[in-house]
Amino acid sequence: MTQIAYCRVSSVGQSLDVQRDKVTAAGVEPSNVFEEKRSGLDSGRPELKACLRALRKGDVLTITRIDRLARSATDLLNIVRDLGKRGAELKVLDQSIDTGTPAGRAMLQMLAVFAEFETAIRSERQMDGIAKAKAKGVKFGRKPARTPDKIEEIKSRRENGDTVPEIMRAMGLSKATVYRALSDAGADATGEGARA
């Protein structure tokens, strides 16, 4: 069994010393400590990814606090499930959680319930917000590239002899959008009587 630690602070100005001291006092070898200075909301934490890859069956991932490892309860549970599949455990020093013990597993099961509840509430709020916005006439999704004004401009440019590639470059539109707009406007998209 090897203890591997992960330590993180949010900004460059903060120090990792306190976390490093705690995990080494708990028995983690300094060479097995992964550290980084990144926001917890940053999903691209390379040292965390390297730390998780380094864990093997029987190993223990040691952290000082849950918020140093995970962005949310759901994120934490996903990490713990991944550890469990690989036969590794999690130990949280400040919150006395150890998934190698029945009490630690029970604590994480309670966190799983809260995470599920948190996800359900967030989803419900999001759906309520969307419904309210729609009732107020808010449109969702990308704005259409072919507005009546743009169709008119495309038609005018084509009638003035612009080629489709020239219209695409000038207006920042795709070829398909230009051709659809010309078709909608009943304009000459083929180039007959105009430069191709």
N, C-alpha and C. Protein backbone atom coordinates (compact mmCIF):
# COMPACT_ATOMS: atom_id res chain seq x y z
N MET A 1 0.83 -1.19 0.00
CA MET A 1 0.00 0.00 0.00
C MET A 1 0.87 1.24 0.00
N THR A 2 0.56 2.16 -0.90
CA THR A 2 1.28 3.42 -0.99
C THR A 2 0.31 4.56 -0.75
N GLN A 3 0.74 5.52 0.05
CA GLN A 3 -0.07 6.73 0.23
C GLN A 3 0.39 7.77 -0.78
N ILE A 4 -0.57 8.30 -1.51
CA ILE A 4 -0.28 9.35 -2.49
C ILE A 4 -1.14 10.54 -2.11
N ALA A 5 -0.57 11.73 -2.12
CA ALA A 5 -1.30 12.92 -1.69
C ALA A 5 -1.49 13.90 -2.83
N TYR A 6 -2.58 14.66 -2.72
CA TYR A 6 -2.84 15.74 -3.67
C TYR A 6 -3.07 17.01 -2.85
N CYS A 7 -2.33 18.06 -3.19
CA CYS A 7 -2.46 19.35 -2.50
C CYS A 7 -2.73 20.42 -3.55
N ARG A 8 -3.66 21.33 -3.23
CA ARG A 8 -3.99 22.38 -4.19
C ARG A 8 -4.34 23.67 -3.46
N VAL A 9 -3.86 24.78 -4.02
CA VAL A 9 -4.31 26.11 -3.60
C VAL A 9 -4.83 26.81 -4.84
N SER A 10 -5.70 27.81 -4.63
CA SER A 10 -6.39 28.44 -5.75
C SER A 10 -5.56 29.44 -6.54
N SER A 11 -4.62 30.10 -5.89
CA SER A 11 -3.89 31.14 -6.62
C SER A 11 -2.40 31.05 -6.37
N VAL A 12 -1.66 31.70 -7.26
CA VAL A 12 -0.19 31.67 -7.22
C VAL A 12 0.34 32.22 -5.90
N GLY A 13 -0.35 33.21 -5.32
CA GLY A 13 0.12 33.85 -4.10
C GLY A 13 -0.03 33.00 -2.85
N GLN A 14 -0.86 31.95 -2.90
CA GLN A 14 -1.08 31.11 -1.73
C GLN A 14 0.01 30.05 -1.59
N SER A 15 0.18 29.57 -0.35
CA SER A 15 1.24 28.60 -0.08
C SER A 15 0.66 27.19 0.10
N LEU A 16 1.41 26.22 -0.39
CA LEU A 16 1.04 24.81 -0.24
C LEU A 16 1.65 24.19 1.01
N ASP A 17 2.43 24.98 1.77
CA ASP A 17 3.19 24.44 2.90
C ASP A 17 2.33 23.73 3.94
N VAL A 18 1.21 24.33 4.33
CA VAL A 18 0.36 23.74 5.39
C VAL A 18 -0.15 22.37 4.96
N GLN A 19 -0.67 22.30 3.72
CA GLN A 19 -1.18 21.01 3.22
C GLN A 19 -0.05 19.98 3.11
N ARG A 20 1.09 20.42 2.58
CA ARG A 20 2.23 19.52 2.43
C ARG A 20 2.67 18.96 3.78
N ASP A 21 2.73 19.84 4.78
CA ASP A 21 3.14 19.40 6.13
C ASP A 21 2.16 18.38 6.70
N LYS A 22 0.86 18.61 6.50
CA LYS A 22 -0.16 17.69 7.04
C LYS A 22 -0.08 16.31 6.39
N VAL A 23 0.06 16.28 5.06
CA VAL A 23 0.06 14.96 4.40
C VAL A 23 1.36 14.19 4.68
N THR A 24 2.47 14.91 4.79
CA THR A 24 3.72 14.20 5.11
C THR A 24 3.70 13.72 6.56
N ALA A 25 3.07 14.50 7.47
CA ALA A 25 2.92 14.07 8.87
C ALA A 25 2.03 12.83 8.95
N ALA A 26 1.10 12.67 7.98
CA ALA A 26 0.20 11.51 7.95
C ALA A 26 0.87 10.29 7.32
N GLY A 27 2.14 10.45 6.90
CA GLY A 27 2.88 9.30 6.39
C GLY A 27 3.12 9.26 4.89
N VAL A 28 2.74 10.31 4.18
CA VAL A 28 2.97 10.34 2.73
C VAL A 28 4.42 10.76 2.46
N GLU A 29 5.11 10.00 1.63
CA GLU A 29 6.48 10.34 1.25
C GLU A 29 6.44 11.62 0.39
N PRO A 30 7.38 12.55 0.60
CA PRO A 30 7.40 13.80 -0.19
C PRO A 30 7.38 13.55 -1.70
N SER A 31 7.99 12.46 -2.15
CA SER A 31 8.03 12.16 -3.60
C SER A 31 6.66 11.72 -4.13
N ASN A 32 5.73 11.41 -3.22
CA ASN A 32 4.38 10.98 -3.62
C ASN A 32 3.33 12.09 -3.43
N VAL A 33 3.79 13.33 -3.32
CA VAL A 33 2.87 14.46 -3.15
C VAL A 33 2.75 15.19 -4.48
N PHE A 34 1.53 15.27 -4.98
CA PHE A 34 1.23 16.02 -6.22
C PHE A 34 0.66 17.37 -5.80
N GLU A 35 1.22 18.45 -6.35
CA GLU A 35 0.80 19.79 -5.95
C GLU A 35 0.51 20.67 -7.17
N GLU A 36 -0.48 21.56 -7.00
CA GLU A 36 -0.69 22.57 -8.05
C GLU A 36 -1.40 23.79 -7.50
N LYS A 37 -1.20 24.89 -8.21
CA LYS A 37 -1.84 26.16 -7.86
C LYS A 37 -2.83 26.49 -8.98
N ARG A 38 -4.07 26.03 -8.79
CA ARG A 38 -5.13 26.23 -9.77
C ARG A 38 -6.46 26.32 -9.06
N SER A 39 -7.42 26.96 -9.70
CA SER A 39 -8.77 27.07 -9.14
C SER A 39 -9.40 25.68 -9.08
N GLY A 40 -10.20 25.45 -8.05
CA GLY A 40 -10.93 24.20 -7.92
C GLY A 40 -11.96 24.03 -9.01
N LEU A 41 -12.39 25.14 -9.62
CA LEU A 41 -13.39 25.07 -10.69
C LEU A 41 -12.77 24.70 -12.02
N ASP A 42 -11.44 24.71 -12.07
CA ASP A 42 -10.72 24.37 -13.29
C ASP A 42 -10.74 22.86 -13.48
N SER A 43 -11.41 22.39 -14.53
CA SER A 43 -11.50 20.95 -14.75
C SER A 43 -10.20 20.38 -15.33
N GLY A 44 -9.33 21.23 -15.86
CA GLY A 44 -8.09 20.76 -16.46
C GLY A 44 -6.92 20.85 -15.52
N ARG A 45 -6.99 20.18 -14.37
CA ARG A 45 -5.90 20.23 -13.40
C ARG A 45 -4.93 19.09 -13.68
N PRO A 46 -3.79 19.37 -14.34
CA PRO A 46 -2.88 18.29 -14.76
C PRO A 46 -2.29 17.48 -13.61
N GLU A 47 -1.98 18.13 -12.48
CA GLU A 47 -1.39 17.39 -11.36
C GLU A 47 -2.41 16.44 -10.73
N LEU A 48 -3.68 16.85 -10.68
CA LEU A 48 -4.72 15.96 -10.17
C LEU A 48 -4.85 14.73 -11.08
N LYS A 49 -4.86 14.98 -12.38
CA LYS A 49 -4.96 13.86 -13.33
C LYS A 49 -3.77 12.91 -13.18
N ALA A 50 -2.57 13.48 -13.03
CA ALA A 50 -1.37 12.65 -12.86
C ALA A 50 -1.44 11.86 -11.55
N CYS A 51 -1.93 12.52 -10.50
CA CYS A 51 -2.08 11.87 -9.20
C CYS A 51 -3.03 10.68 -9.29
N LEU A 52 -4.19 10.89 -9.91
CA LEU A 52 -5.17 9.81 -10.02
C LEU A 52 -4.64 8.66 -10.88
N ARG A 53 -3.86 9.00 -11.92
CA ARG A 53 -3.26 7.94 -12.76
C ARG A 53 -2.23 7.13 -11.98
N ALA A 54 -1.57 7.76 -11.02
CA ALA A 54 -0.50 7.08 -10.26
C ALA A 54 -1.05 6.07 -9.25
N LEU A 55 -2.31 6.18 -8.88
CA LEU A 55 -2.89 5.29 -7.87
C LEU A 55 -3.07 3.87 -8.39
N ARG A 56 -2.70 2.91 -7.58
CA ARG A 56 -2.84 1.48 -7.91
C ARG A 56 -3.71 0.79 -6.85
N LYS A 57 -4.06 -0.44 -7.11
CA LYS A 57 -4.87 -1.22 -6.17
C LYS A 57 -4.19 -1.26 -4.80
N GLY A 58 -4.98 -0.92 -3.78
CA GLY A 58 -4.45 -0.93 -2.41
C GLY A 58 -3.89 0.41 -1.97
N ASP A 59 -3.69 1.36 -2.91
CA ASP A 59 -3.15 2.67 -2.56
C ASP A 59 -4.21 3.54 -1.89
N VAL A 60 -3.74 4.58 -1.21
CA VAL A 60 -4.63 5.52 -0.52
C VAL A 60 -4.32 6.92 -1.03
N LEU A 61 -5.36 7.60 -1.50
CA LEU A 61 -5.23 9.00 -1.88
C LEU A 61 -5.52 9.84 -0.65
N THR A 62 -4.54 10.63 -0.24
CA THR A 62 -4.67 11.44 0.97
C THR A 62 -4.77 12.92 0.60
N ILE A 63 -5.78 13.59 1.16
CA ILE A 63 -5.95 15.03 0.96
C ILE A 63 -6.24 15.66 2.32
N THR A 64 -6.07 16.97 2.42
CA THR A 64 -6.34 17.62 3.71
C THR A 64 -7.82 17.92 3.88
N ARG A 65 -8.48 18.41 2.80
CA ARG A 65 -9.92 18.73 2.85
C ARG A 65 -10.56 18.36 1.53
N ILE A 66 -11.83 18.06 1.55
CA ILE A 66 -12.56 17.66 0.35
C ILE A 66 -12.48 18.74 -0.73
N ASP A 67 -12.60 20.01 -0.33
CA ASP A 67 -12.63 21.08 -1.33
C ASP A 67 -11.29 21.26 -2.06
N ARG A 68 -10.23 20.62 -1.55
CA ARG A 68 -8.95 20.67 -2.26
C ARG A 68 -8.96 19.72 -3.45
N LEU A 69 -9.84 18.71 -3.41
CA LEU A 69 -9.88 17.67 -4.44
C LEU A 69 -10.99 17.87 -5.45
N ALA A 70 -12.21 18.15 -4.96
CA ALA A 70 -13.39 18.12 -5.83
C ALA A 70 -14.06 19.48 -5.95
N ARG A 71 -14.74 19.69 -7.10
CA ARG A 71 -15.45 20.95 -7.35
C ARG A 71 -16.84 20.95 -6.75
N SER A 72 -17.40 19.75 -6.51
CA SER A 72 -18.75 19.63 -5.97
C SER A 72 -18.88 18.24 -5.35
N ALA A 73 -19.99 18.02 -4.67
CA ALA A 73 -20.23 16.69 -4.09
C ALA A 73 -20.29 15.64 -5.19
N THR A 74 -20.89 16.00 -6.31
CA THR A 74 -20.99 15.05 -7.44
C THR A 74 -19.61 14.72 -7.98
N ASP A 75 -18.77 15.73 -8.12
CA ASP A 75 -17.40 15.53 -8.60
C ASP A 75 -16.64 14.61 -7.64
N LEU A 76 -16.80 14.86 -6.34
CA LEU A 76 -16.14 14.03 -5.33
C LEU A 76 -16.56 12.57 -5.47
N LEU A 77 -17.86 12.35 -5.61
CA LEU A 77 -18.36 10.98 -5.70
C LEU A 77 -17.86 10.29 -6.96
N ASN A 78 -17.76 11.02 -8.05
CA ASN A 78 -17.21 10.43 -9.28
C ASN A 78 -15.77 10.00 -9.08
N ILE A 79 -14.99 10.84 -8.39
CA ILE A 79 -13.59 10.50 -8.11
C ILE A 79 -13.52 9.27 -7.20
N VAL A 80 -14.36 9.26 -6.16
CA VAL A 80 -14.35 8.13 -5.21
C VAL A 80 -14.77 6.83 -5.91
N ARG A 81 -15.78 6.91 -6.78
CA ARG A 81 -16.20 5.71 -7.53
C ARG A 81 -15.06 5.19 -8.39
N ASP A 82 -14.34 6.13 -9.03
CA ASP A 82 -13.20 5.74 -9.87
C ASP A 82 -12.12 5.07 -9.02
N LEU A 83 -11.87 5.63 -7.84
CA LEU A 83 -10.89 5.02 -6.94
C LEU A 83 -11.33 3.61 -6.54
N GLY A 84 -12.63 3.49 -6.21
CA GLY A 84 -13.17 2.19 -5.80
C GLY A 84 -13.02 1.13 -6.88
N LYS A 85 -13.25 1.51 -8.13
CA LYS A 85 -13.11 0.56 -9.25
C LYS A 85 -11.68 0.07 -9.37
N ARG A 86 -10.73 0.94 -8.98
CA ARG A 86 -9.32 0.56 -9.09
C ARG A 86 -8.77 -0.04 -7.80
N GLY A 87 -9.65 -0.15 -6.79
CA GLY A 87 -9.22 -0.75 -5.52
C GLY A 87 -8.42 0.19 -4.64
N ALA A 88 -8.55 1.50 -4.86
CA ALA A 88 -7.85 2.49 -4.03
C ALA A 88 -8.84 3.12 -3.06
N GLU A 89 -8.32 3.73 -2.01
CA GLU A 89 -9.15 4.37 -0.99
C GLU A 89 -8.86 5.87 -0.94
N LEU A 90 -9.74 6.59 -0.24
CA LEU A 90 -9.56 8.03 -0.04
C LEU A 90 -9.52 8.33 1.44
N LYS A 91 -8.56 9.16 1.84
CA LYS A 91 -8.47 9.60 3.23
C LYS A 91 -8.44 11.13 3.24
N VAL A 92 -9.40 11.73 3.99
CA VAL A 92 -9.48 13.18 4.12
C VAL A 92 -9.10 13.52 5.55
N LEU A 93 -7.96 14.17 5.74
CA LEU A 93 -7.41 14.37 7.07
C LEU A 93 -8.25 15.29 7.95
N ASP A 94 -8.57 16.50 7.49
CA ASP A 94 -9.26 17.48 8.34
C ASP A 94 -10.70 17.08 8.65
N GLN A 95 -11.33 16.30 7.77
CA GLN A 95 -12.72 15.93 7.97
C GLN A 95 -12.88 14.48 8.44
N SER A 96 -11.76 13.84 8.75
CA SER A 96 -11.75 12.47 9.28
C SER A 96 -12.61 11.51 8.46
N ILE A 97 -12.41 11.51 7.16
CA ILE A 97 -13.11 10.56 6.28
C ILE A 97 -12.07 9.59 5.74
N ASP A 98 -12.38 8.30 5.86
CA ASP A 98 -11.49 7.27 5.36
C ASP A 98 -12.37 6.19 4.74
N THR A 99 -12.33 6.07 3.40
CA THR A 99 -13.21 5.10 2.75
C THR A 99 -12.77 3.66 2.99
N GLY A 100 -11.66 3.50 3.71
CA GLY A 100 -11.23 2.16 4.10
C GLY A 100 -11.95 1.67 5.35
N THR A 101 -12.78 2.54 5.97
CA THR A 101 -13.53 2.16 7.17
C THR A 101 -15.03 2.22 6.89
N PRO A 102 -15.83 1.45 7.64
CA PRO A 102 -17.29 1.50 7.45
C PRO A 102 -17.86 2.90 7.67
N ALA A 103 -17.35 3.62 8.69
CA ALA A 103 -17.85 4.98 8.97
C ALA A 103 -17.53 5.92 7.81
N GLY A 104 -16.35 5.80 7.23
CA GLY A 104 -15.97 6.64 6.10
C GLY A 104 -16.83 6.36 4.88
N ARG A 105 -17.11 5.08 4.64
CA ARG A 105 -17.98 4.73 3.51
C ARG A 105 -19.39 5.25 3.74
N ALA A 106 -19.88 5.18 4.99
CA ALA A 106 -21.22 5.69 5.31
C ALA A 106 -21.29 7.19 5.08
N MET A 107 -20.24 7.90 5.47
CA MET A 107 -20.19 9.35 5.27
C MET A 107 -20.29 9.68 3.78
N LEU A 108 -19.57 8.93 2.95
CA LEU A 108 -19.61 9.18 1.51
C LEU A 108 -20.96 8.80 0.91
N GLN A 109 -21.62 7.79 1.47
CA GLN A 109 -22.96 7.44 0.98
C GLN A 109 -23.94 8.57 1.28
N MET A 110 -23.76 9.22 2.45
CA MET A 110 -24.61 10.37 2.76
C MET A 110 -24.30 11.52 1.79
N LEU A 111 -23.03 11.72 1.47
CA LEU A 111 -22.66 12.74 0.50
C LEU A 111 -23.28 12.45 -0.86
N ALA A 112 -23.37 11.16 -1.21
CA ALA A 112 -23.98 10.77 -2.48
C ALA A 112 -25.44 11.19 -2.53
N VAL A 113 -26.14 11.01 -1.42
CA VAL A 113 -27.55 11.41 -1.35
C VAL A 113 -27.66 12.92 -1.53
N PHE A 114 -26.80 13.68 -0.84
CA PHE A 114 -26.83 15.14 -0.96
C PHE A 114 -26.47 15.58 -2.37
N ALA A 115 -25.52 14.90 -3.00
CA ALA A 115 -25.11 15.25 -4.36
C ALA A 115 -26.26 15.03 -5.33
N GLU A 116 -26.96 13.92 -5.16
CA GLU A 116 -28.11 13.63 -6.02
C GLU A 116 -29.19 14.69 -5.84
N PHE A 117 -29.41 15.08 -4.57
CA PHE A 117 -30.40 16.11 -4.25
C PHE A 117 -29.99 17.45 -4.87
N GLU A 118 -28.70 17.78 -4.74
CA GLU A 118 -28.16 19.03 -5.31
C GLU A 118 -28.36 19.06 -6.82
N THR A 119 -28.09 17.94 -7.49
CA THR A 119 -28.25 17.86 -8.94
C THR A 119 -29.71 18.02 -9.34
N ALA A 120 -30.61 17.37 -8.60
CA ALA A 120 -32.04 17.46 -8.90
C ALA A 120 -32.54 18.89 -8.74
N ILE A 121 -32.13 19.55 -7.66
CA ILE A 121 -32.57 20.93 -7.42
C ILE A 121 -32.03 21.85 -8.51
N ARG A 122 -30.77 21.68 -8.87
CA ARG A 122 -30.16 22.52 -9.91
C ARG A 122 -30.90 22.33 -11.24
N SER A 123 -31.22 21.09 -11.56
CA SER A 123 -31.93 20.80 -12.80
C SER A 123 -33.33 21.41 -12.78
N GLU A 124 -34.00 21.29 -11.63
CA GLU A 124 -35.35 21.86 -11.49
C GLU A 124 -35.31 23.38 -11.64
N ARG A 125 -34.35 24.03 -11.00
CA ARG A 125 -34.21 25.48 -11.11
C ARG A 125 -33.93 25.90 -12.54
N GLN A 126 -33.09 25.13 -13.21
CA GLN A 126 -32.75 25.45 -14.59
C GLN A 126 -34.00 25.36 -15.47
N MET A 127 -34.79 24.30 -15.29
CA MET A 127 -36.01 24.14 -16.08
C MET A 127 -37.01 25.26 -15.79
N ASP A 128 -37.12 25.64 -14.51
CA ASP A 128 -38.00 26.76 -14.14
C ASP A 128 -37.53 28.05 -14.82
N GLY A 129 -36.23 28.29 -14.79
CA GLY A 129 -35.67 29.49 -15.41
C GLY A 129 -35.92 29.53 -16.90
N ILE A 130 -35.77 28.39 -17.56
CA ILE A 130 -36.00 28.31 -19.00
C ILE A 130 -37.48 28.58 -19.31
N ALA A 131 -38.37 27.97 -18.51
CA ALA A 131 -39.81 28.17 -18.72
C ALA A 131 -40.19 29.65 -18.55
N LYS A 132 -39.65 30.30 -17.52
CA LYS A 132 -39.94 31.72 -17.28
C LYS A 132 -39.41 32.58 -18.42
N ALA A 133 -38.21 32.27 -18.87
CA ALA A 133 -37.61 33.04 -19.96
C ALA A 133 -38.42 32.88 -21.25
N LYS A 134 -38.84 31.65 -21.53
CA LYS A 134 -39.65 31.42 -22.73
C LYS A 134 -40.97 32.16 -22.65
N ALA A 135 -41.57 32.20 -21.44
CA ALA A 135 -42.83 32.92 -21.25
C ALA A 135 -42.66 34.42 -21.51
N LYS A 136 -41.44 34.92 -21.27
CA LYS A 136 -41.16 36.34 -21.52
C LYS A 136 -40.71 36.58 -22.96
N GLY A 137 -40.68 35.52 -23.76
CA GLY A 137 -40.33 35.67 -25.17
C GLY A 137 -38.86 35.55 -25.49
N VAL A 138 -38.05 35.09 -24.53
CA VAL A 138 -36.62 34.93 -24.78
C VAL A 138 -36.41 33.75 -25.72
N LYS A 139 -35.59 33.95 -26.73
CA LYS A 139 -35.27 32.90 -27.69
C LYS A 139 -33.95 32.24 -27.27
N PHE A 140 -33.89 30.93 -27.38
CA PHE A 140 -32.68 30.19 -27.04
C PHE A 140 -32.01 29.68 -28.31
N GLY A 141 -30.73 29.38 -28.20
CA GLY A 141 -29.98 28.85 -29.33
C GLY A 141 -29.28 29.96 -30.10
N ARG A 142 -28.58 29.54 -31.14
CA ARG A 142 -27.84 30.49 -31.98
C ARG A 142 -28.78 31.41 -32.72
N LYS A 143 -28.33 32.62 -32.91
CA LYS A 143 -29.12 33.54 -33.72
C LYS A 143 -29.03 33.08 -35.17
N PRO A 144 -30.13 33.17 -35.92
CA PRO A 144 -30.08 32.71 -37.30
C PRO A 144 -29.11 33.56 -38.14
N ALA A 145 -28.37 32.87 -38.99
CA ALA A 145 -27.42 33.57 -39.86
C ALA A 145 -28.15 34.27 -41.00
N ARG A 146 -29.33 33.74 -41.34
CA ARG A 146 -30.08 34.29 -42.48
C ARG A 146 -31.24 35.15 -42.00
N THR A 147 -30.95 36.33 -41.55
CA THR A 147 -32.00 37.28 -41.19
C THR A 147 -32.49 37.94 -42.47
N PRO A 148 -33.68 38.53 -42.46
CA PRO A 148 -34.17 39.22 -43.67
C PRO A 148 -33.18 40.26 -44.19
N ASP A 149 -32.54 41.00 -43.28
CA ASP A 149 -31.56 42.01 -43.71
C ASP A 149 -30.38 41.37 -44.42
N LYS A 150 -29.90 40.23 -43.86
CA LYS A 150 -28.74 39.57 -44.46
C LYS A 150 -29.11 38.95 -45.81
N ILE A 151 -30.30 38.37 -45.88
CA ILE A 151 -30.74 37.81 -47.16
C ILE A 151 -30.78 38.90 -48.22
N GLU A 152 -31.28 40.06 -47.84
CA GLU A 152 -31.35 41.19 -48.78
C GLU A 152 -29.95 41.63 -49.21
N GLU A 153 -29.02 41.67 -48.25
CA GLU A 153 -27.65 42.07 -48.57
C GLU A 153 -26.97 41.05 -49.48
N ILE A 154 -27.19 39.76 -49.19
CA ILE A 154 -26.61 38.70 -50.04
C ILE A 154 -27.15 38.82 -51.46
N LYS A 155 -28.46 39.00 -51.56
CA LYS A 155 -29.11 39.14 -52.88
C LYS A 155 -28.53 40.35 -53.63
N SER A 156 -28.41 41.46 -52.93
CA SER A 156 -27.89 42.69 -53.54
C SER A 156 -26.46 42.50 -54.02
N ARG A 157 -25.62 41.88 -53.18
CA ARG A 157 -24.22 41.65 -53.56
C ARG A 157 -24.15 40.75 -54.80
N ARG A 158 -25.01 39.73 -54.80
CA ARG A 158 -24.98 38.80 -55.94
C ARG A 158 -25.42 39.51 -57.22
N GLU A 159 -26.45 40.32 -57.10
CA GLU A 159 -26.94 41.07 -58.27
C GLU A 159 -25.90 42.06 -58.77
N ASN A 160 -25.03 42.54 -57.86
CA ASN A 160 -23.97 43.47 -58.24
C ASN A 160 -22.73 42.75 -58.76
N GLY A 161 -22.82 41.42 -58.88
CA GLY A 161 -21.75 40.66 -59.51
C GLY A 161 -20.78 39.98 -58.57
N ASP A 162 -20.99 40.07 -57.24
CA ASP A 162 -20.10 39.36 -56.31
C ASP A 162 -20.26 37.86 -56.47
N THR A 163 -19.15 37.13 -56.37
CA THR A 163 -19.21 35.67 -56.40
C THR A 163 -19.62 35.17 -55.03
N VAL A 164 -20.05 33.91 -54.97
CA VAL A 164 -20.42 33.32 -53.67
C VAL A 164 -19.24 33.36 -52.70
N PRO A 165 -18.01 32.97 -53.13
CA PRO A 165 -16.87 33.06 -52.18
C PRO A 165 -16.64 34.49 -51.68
N GLU A 166 -16.83 35.49 -52.55
CA GLU A 166 -16.65 36.88 -52.12
C GLU A 166 -17.71 37.26 -51.08
N ILE A 167 -18.93 36.82 -51.30
CA ILE A 167 -20.01 37.10 -50.33
C ILE A 167 -19.70 36.41 -49.00
N MET A 168 -19.24 35.16 -49.09
CA MET A 168 -18.90 34.40 -47.87
C MET A 168 -17.86 35.15 -47.05
N ARG A 169 -16.78 35.59 -47.72
CA ARG A 169 -15.70 36.29 -47.01
C ARG A 169 -16.18 37.62 -46.45
N ALA A 170 -16.91 38.37 -47.24
CA ALA A 170 -17.35 39.71 -46.83
C ALA A 170 -18.32 39.67 -45.65
N MET A 171 -19.15 38.64 -45.63
CA MET A 171 -20.19 38.59 -44.60
C MET A 171 -19.91 37.56 -43.50
N GLY A 172 -18.84 36.81 -43.64
CA GLY A 172 -18.49 35.82 -42.62
C GLY A 172 -19.50 34.68 -42.54
N LEU A 173 -20.00 34.26 -43.71
CA LEU A 173 -21.02 33.20 -43.74
C LEU A 173 -20.48 31.96 -44.44
N SER A 174 -21.12 30.83 -44.20
CA SER A 174 -20.73 29.60 -44.88
C SER A 174 -21.34 29.57 -46.27
N LYS A 175 -20.79 28.70 -47.12
CA LYS A 175 -21.30 28.55 -48.48
C LYS A 175 -22.77 28.13 -48.45
N ALA A 176 -23.10 27.18 -47.58
CA ALA A 176 -24.48 26.69 -47.50
C ALA A 176 -25.44 27.81 -47.12
N THR A 177 -25.03 28.66 -46.18
CA THR A 177 -25.89 29.77 -45.75
C THR A 177 -26.13 30.74 -46.91
N VAL A 178 -25.08 31.05 -47.66
CA VAL A 178 -25.22 31.97 -48.79
C VAL A 178 -26.15 31.37 -49.84
N TYR A 179 -25.95 30.10 -50.19
CA TYR A 179 -26.80 29.47 -51.20
C TYR A 179 -28.25 29.38 -50.73
N ARG A 180 -28.47 29.06 -49.45
CA ARG A 180 -29.85 29.01 -48.93
C ARG A 180 -30.50 30.39 -48.99
N ALA A 181 -29.72 31.42 -48.63
CA ALA A 181 -30.26 32.79 -48.67
C ALA A 181 -30.61 33.19 -50.09
N LEU A 182 -29.76 32.83 -51.05
CA LEU A 182 -30.04 33.16 -52.45
C LEU A 182 -31.27 32.40 -52.94
N SER A 183 -31.41 31.15 -52.48
CA SER A 183 -32.58 30.36 -52.84
C SER A 183 -33.84 30.96 -52.24
N ASP A 184 -33.76 31.39 -50.95
CA ASP A 184 -34.90 32.03 -50.29
C ASP A 184 -35.32 33.30 -51.01
N ALA A 185 -34.31 34.04 -51.50
CA ALA A 185 -34.58 35.32 -52.15
C ALA A 185 -34.96 35.15 -53.60
N GLY A 186 -34.83 33.91 -54.13
CA GLY A 186 -35.13 33.66 -55.53
C GLY A 186 -34.09 34.29 -56.44
N ALA A 187 -32.88 34.51 -55.89
CA ALA A 187 -31.81 35.16 -56.68
C ALA A 187 -31.05 34.11 -57.46
N ASP A 188 -30.21 34.59 -58.36
CA ASP A 188 -29.41 33.71 -59.20
C ASP A 188 -28.19 33.23 -58.40
N ALA A 189 -28.23 31.97 -57.98
CA ALA A 189 -27.12 31.42 -57.20
C ALA A 189 -26.12 30.72 -58.09
N THR A 190 -26.50 30.46 -59.34
CA THR A 190 -25.64 29.65 -60.20
C THR A 190 -24.55 30.45 -60.87
N GLY A 191 -24.74 31.77 -60.93
CA GLY A 191 -23.74 32.60 -61.58
C GLY A 191 -24.11 32.94 -63.01
N GLU A 192 -25.27 32.46 -63.49
CA GLU A 192 -25.68 32.80 -64.85
C GLU A 192 -25.93 34.30 -64.91
N GLY A 193 -25.32 34.95 -65.82
CA GLY A 193 -25.48 36.40 -65.98
C GLY A 193 -24.65 37.17 -64.98
N ALA A 194 -23.85 36.48 -64.14
CA ALA A 194 -22.98 37.15 -63.17
C ALA A 194 -21.69 36.37 -63.08
N ARG A 195 -20.68 36.97 -62.44
CA ARG A 195 -19.41 36.26 -62.24
C ARG A 195 -19.64 35.11 -61.29
N ALA A 196 -19.06 33.93 -61.53
CA ALA A 196 -19.24 32.77 -60.66
C ALA A 196 -18.35 32.89 -59.45
